[in-house]
């Protein structure tokens, strides 16, 4: 993925790749676990990217999904729908070009969505992780 120059830029007309990177960036900042992303645009008529993450509890599932929806909305990209809030074990946040799945640990293991994703389409999130780690490195203060 190309590195985004400005992490607060308006995302209203952003590419699906930029949207995916913005979602990943927010999730890493919020310390979600076991983050995976897949570029499925060539194989899927539904979306261009799936992003999956595990939150530590049902409360954290709701908080993480709400935080991403809110921050993305502030940047001009509102979710088209949010599903699963009532159960709080798996919340789907649909940005059309990017679908975010936030799971609690049990649901992530039970549904095992990652096994359905094409392994060769997995997104390398290491550059984004490095940028987020650098952003929060106390040595830079």
C-alpha atoms as a PDB file:
ATOM      1  CA  UNK A   1       0.000   0.000   0.000  1.00  0.00           C
ATOM      2  CA  UNK A   2       1.173   3.480  -0.738  1.00  0.00           C
ATOM      3  CA  UNK A   3       1.907   5.477   2.388  1.00  0.00           C
ATOM      4  CA  UNK A   4      -0.714   8.122   3.115  1.00  0.00           C
ATOM      5  CA  UNK A   5       0.858  11.540   3.361  1.00  0.00           C
ATOM      6  CA  UNK A   6      -1.665  13.148   5.695  1.00  0.00           C
ATOM      7  CA  UNK A   7      -3.497  10.948   8.176  1.00  0.00           C
ATOM      8  CA  UNK A   8      -6.220  13.537   8.732  1.00  0.00           C
ATOM      9  CA  UNK A   9      -7.004  14.112   5.069  1.00  0.00           C
ATOM     10  CA  UNK A  10     -10.556  14.124   3.785  1.00  0.00           C
ATOM     11  CA  UNK A  11     -11.537  10.605   2.735  1.00  0.00           C
ATOM     12  CA  UNK A  12     -14.814  11.410   0.978  1.00  0.00           C
ATOM     13  CA  UNK A  13     -13.359  10.741  -2.491  1.00  0.00           C
ATOM     14  CA  UNK A  14     -10.405   8.609  -1.420  1.00  0.00           C
ATOM     15  CA  UNK A  15      -9.420   5.407  -3.184  1.00  0.00           C
ATOM     16  CA  UNK A  16     -10.393   2.098  -1.599  1.00  0.00           C
ATOM     17  CA  UNK A  17      -6.706   1.535  -0.827  1.00  0.00           C
ATOM     18  CA  UNK A  18      -6.487   4.849   1.071  1.00  0.00           C
ATOM     19  CA  UNK A  19      -9.696   4.002   2.968  1.00  0.00           C
ATOM     20  CA  UNK A  20      -8.327   0.611   3.935  1.00  0.00           C
ATOM     21  CA  UNK A  21      -5.082   2.152   5.148  1.00  0.00           C
ATOM     22  CA  UNK A  22      -6.987   4.754   7.189  1.00  0.00           C
ATOM     23  CA  UNK A  23      -9.080   2.026   8.852  1.00  0.00           C
ATOM     24  CA  UNK A  24      -5.974  -0.052   9.614  1.00  0.00           C
ATOM     25  CA  UNK A  25      -4.202   2.989  11.030  1.00  0.00           C
ATOM     26  CA  UNK A  26      -7.104   3.703  13.413  1.00  0.00           C
ATOM     27  CA  UNK A  27      -7.325   0.069  14.509  1.00  0.00           C
ATOM     28  CA  UNK A  28      -3.611  -0.136  15.260  1.00  0.00           C
ATOM     29  CA  UNK A  29      -3.763   3.083  17.259  1.00  0.00           C
ATOM     30  CA  UNK A  30      -6.550   1.587  19.358  1.00  0.00           C
ATOM     31  CA  UNK A  31      -4.553  -1.579  20.038  1.00  0.00           C
ATOM     32  CA  UNK A  32      -6.837  -4.122  18.428  1.00  0.00           C
ATOM     33  CA  UNK A  33      -5.342  -7.596  18.156  1.00  0.00           C
ATOM     34  CA  UNK A  34      -4.670  -9.996  15.314  1.00  0.00           C
ATOM     35  CA  UNK A  35      -5.375  -7.488  12.547  1.00  0.00           C
ATOM     36  CA  UNK A  36      -5.577  -8.908   9.044  1.00  0.00           C
ATOM     37  CA  UNK A  37      -6.580  -7.250   5.792  1.00  0.00           C
ATOM     38  CA  UNK A  38      -7.274  -8.698   2.363  1.00  0.00           C
ATOM     39  CA  UNK A  39      -7.431  -6.979  -1.025  1.00  0.00           C
ATOM     40  CA  UNK A  40     -10.283  -8.906  -2.626  1.00  0.00           C
ATOM     41  CA  UNK A  41     -11.468  -6.429  -5.249  1.00  0.00           C
ATOM     42  CA  UNK A  42     -10.469  -8.708  -8.112  1.00  0.00           C
ATOM     43  CA  UNK A  43     -12.359 -11.675  -6.630  1.00  0.00           C
ATOM     44  CA  UNK A  44     -15.325  -9.965  -4.983  1.00  0.00           C
ATOM     45  CA  UNK A  45     -18.253  -7.961  -6.270  1.00  0.00           C
ATOM     46  CA  UNK A  46     -19.053  -6.957  -2.682  1.00  0.00           C
ATOM     47  CA  UNK A  47     -16.012  -4.932  -1.606  1.00  0.00           C
ATOM     48  CA  UNK A  48     -12.375  -4.182  -2.374  1.00  0.00           C
ATOM     49  CA  UNK A  49     -10.978  -4.883   1.110  1.00  0.00           C
ATOM     50  CA  UNK A  50     -11.886  -6.931   4.160  1.00  0.00           C
ATOM     51  CA  UNK A  51     -10.278  -5.937   7.443  1.00  0.00           C
ATOM     52  CA  UNK A  52     -10.618  -8.257  10.436  1.00  0.00           C
ATOM     53  CA  UNK A  53      -9.605  -7.497  14.005  1.00  0.00           C
ATOM     54  CA  UNK A  54     -10.077  -8.954  17.464  1.00  0.00           C
ATOM     55  CA  UNK A  55     -11.071  -6.816  20.446  1.00  0.00           C
ATOM     56  CA  UNK A  56     -10.470  -8.044  23.986  1.00  0.00           C
ATOM     57  CA  UNK A  57     -14.143  -8.121  25.098  1.00  0.00           C
ATOM     58  CA  UNK A  58     -17.685  -7.391  23.930  1.00  0.00           C
ATOM     59  CA  UNK A  59     -17.357  -3.880  25.376  1.00  0.00           C
ATOM     60  CA  UNK A  60     -14.158  -3.387  23.399  1.00  0.00           C
ATOM     61  CA  UNK A  61     -15.853  -4.711  20.219  1.00  0.00           C
ATOM     62  CA  UNK A  62     -18.466  -1.956  20.425  1.00  0.00           C
ATOM     63  CA  UNK A  63     -15.928   0.706  21.398  1.00  0.00           C
ATOM     64  CA  UNK A  64     -13.555  -0.188  18.561  1.00  0.00           C
ATOM     65  CA  UNK A  65     -16.295  -0.328  15.912  1.00  0.00           C
ATOM     66  CA  UNK A  66     -17.796   2.957  17.147  1.00  0.00           C
ATOM     67  CA  UNK A  67     -14.408   4.688  17.226  1.00  0.00           C
ATOM     68  CA  UNK A  68     -13.575   3.710  13.654  1.00  0.00           C
ATOM     69  CA  UNK A  69     -17.045   4.698  12.416  1.00  0.00           C
ATOM     70  CA  UNK A  70     -16.821   8.053  14.193  1.00  0.00           C
ATOM     71  CA  UNK A  71     -13.260   8.905  13.092  1.00  0.00           C
ATOM     72  CA  UNK A  72     -13.911   7.903   9.500  1.00  0.00           C
ATOM     73  CA  UNK A  73     -17.138   9.956   9.494  1.00  0.00           C
ATOM     74  CA  UNK A  74     -15.180  12.972  10.740  1.00  0.00           C
ATOM     75  CA  UNK A  75     -12.930  12.525   7.721  1.00  0.00           C
ATOM     76  CA  UNK A  76     -15.833  12.401   5.269  1.00  0.00           C
ATOM     77  CA  UNK A  77     -16.445   8.647   4.992  1.00  0.00           C
ATOM     78  CA  UNK A  78     -19.539   7.507   6.867  1.00  0.00           C
ATOM     79  CA  UNK A  79     -20.274   3.797   7.056  1.00  0.00           C
ATOM     80  CA  UNK A  80     -23.152   2.731   4.814  1.00  0.00           C
ATOM     81  CA  UNK A  81     -24.281   0.334   7.552  1.00  0.00           C
ATOM     82  CA  UNK A  82     -23.251  -1.165  10.870  1.00  0.00           C
ATOM     83  CA  UNK A  83     -24.472  -4.650  11.768  1.00  0.00           C
ATOM     84  CA  UNK A  84     -24.246  -6.692  14.978  1.00  0.00           C
ATOM     85  CA  UNK A  85     -24.274  -4.014  17.670  1.00  0.00           C
ATOM     86  CA  UNK A  86     -26.927  -5.833  19.693  1.00  0.00           C
ATOM     87  CA  UNK A  87     -24.837  -8.969  20.160  1.00  0.00           C
ATOM     88  CA  UNK A  88     -21.515  -7.149  20.527  1.00  0.00           C
ATOM     89  CA  UNK A  89     -19.527 -10.273  19.674  1.00  0.00           C
ATOM     90  CA  UNK A  90     -19.071  -9.427  15.984  1.00  0.00           C
ATOM     91  CA  UNK A  91     -19.743  -6.017  14.493  1.00  0.00           C
ATOM     92  CA  UNK A  92     -19.510  -5.384  10.771  1.00  0.00           C
ATOM     93  CA  UNK A  93     -18.810  -1.791   9.712  1.00  0.00           C
ATOM     94  CA  UNK A  94     -19.427  -1.382   5.976  1.00  0.00           C
ATOM     95  CA  UNK A  95     -17.688   1.482   4.187  1.00  0.00           C
ATOM     96  CA  UNK A  96     -18.647  -0.132   0.823  1.00  0.00           C
ATOM     97  CA  UNK A  97     -15.057  -0.293  -0.518  1.00  0.00           C
ATOM     98  CA  UNK A  98     -13.812  -1.558   2.862  1.00  0.00           C
ATOM     99  CA  UNK A  99     -15.656  -3.925   5.191  1.00  0.00           C
ATOM    100  CA  UNK A 100     -14.431  -4.025   8.771  1.00  0.00           C
ATOM    101  CA  UNK A 101     -15.192  -7.028  10.981  1.00  0.00           C
ATOM    102  CA  UNK A 102     -14.580  -6.466  14.708  1.00  0.00           C
ATOM    103  CA  UNK A 103     -14.755  -9.688  16.713  1.00  0.00           C
ATOM    104  CA  UNK A 104     -14.487 -10.731  20.317  1.00  0.00           C
ATOM    105  CA  UNK A 105     -11.931 -13.562  20.726  1.00  0.00           C
ATOM    106  CA  UNK A 106     -14.520 -16.370  20.807  1.00  0.00           C
ATOM    107  CA  UNK A 107     -16.356 -15.190  17.687  1.00  0.00           C
ATOM    108  CA  UNK A 108     -13.127 -14.652  15.765  1.00  0.00           C
ATOM    109  CA  UNK A 109     -12.111 -18.221  16.504  1.00  0.00           C
ATOM    110  CA  UNK A 110     -15.585 -19.683  15.850  1.00  0.00           C
ATOM    111  CA  UNK A 111     -16.278 -17.974  12.514  1.00  0.00           C
ATOM    112  CA  UNK A 112     -12.646 -18.096  11.347  1.00  0.00           C
ATOM    113  CA  UNK A 113     -13.341 -15.715   8.461  1.00  0.00           C
ATOM    114  CA  UNK A 114      -9.645 -15.498   7.627  1.00  0.00           C
ATOM    115  CA  UNK A 115      -9.695 -19.070   6.312  1.00  0.00           C
ATOM    116  CA  UNK A 116     -12.204 -17.938   3.676  1.00  0.00           C
ATOM    117  CA  UNK A 117      -9.937 -15.154   2.445  1.00  0.00           C
ATOM    118  CA  UNK A 118      -7.424 -15.707  -0.373  1.00  0.00           C
ATOM    119  CA  UNK A 119      -4.006 -15.976   1.318  1.00  0.00           C
ATOM    120  CA  UNK A 120      -2.275 -14.458  -1.699  1.00  0.00           C
ATOM    121  CA  UNK A 121      -4.398 -11.294  -1.312  1.00  0.00           C
ATOM    122  CA  UNK A 122      -3.331 -10.600   2.281  1.00  0.00           C
ATOM    123  CA  UNK A 123      -2.252  -6.982   2.739  1.00  0.00           C
ATOM    124  CA  UNK A 124       1.180  -6.290   4.218  1.00  0.00           C
ATOM    125  CA  UNK A 125       0.356  -4.072   7.202  1.00  0.00           C
ATOM    126  CA  UNK A 126       3.929  -3.853   8.520  1.00  0.00           C
ATOM    127  CA  UNK A 127       4.623  -0.390   6.998  1.00  0.00           C
ATOM    128  CA  UNK A 128       1.471   0.959   8.648  1.00  0.00           C
ATOM    129  CA  UNK A 129       2.422  -0.684  11.961  1.00  0.00           C
ATOM    130  CA  UNK A 130       5.877   0.895  11.773  1.00  0.00           C
ATOM    131  CA  UNK A 131       4.368   4.337  11.169  1.00  0.00           C
ATOM    132  CA  UNK A 132       1.925   3.970  14.075  1.00  0.00           C
ATOM    133  CA  UNK A 133       4.687   2.679  16.357  1.00  0.00           C
ATOM    134  CA  UNK A 134       6.864   5.642  15.417  1.00  0.00           C
ATOM    135  CA  UNK A 135       3.988   8.047  16.016  1.00  0.00           C
ATOM    136  CA  UNK A 136       3.593   6.806  19.600  1.00  0.00           C
ATOM    137  CA  UNK A 137       7.274   6.306  20.380  1.00  0.00           C
ATOM    138  CA  UNK A 138       8.036   8.240  23.562  1.00  0.00           C
ATOM    139  CA  UNK A 139      11.615   8.824  22.411  1.00  0.00           C
ATOM    140  CA  UNK A 140      10.261  11.275  19.854  1.00  0.00           C
ATOM    141  CA  UNK A 141       8.675  13.515  22.508  1.00  0.00           C
END
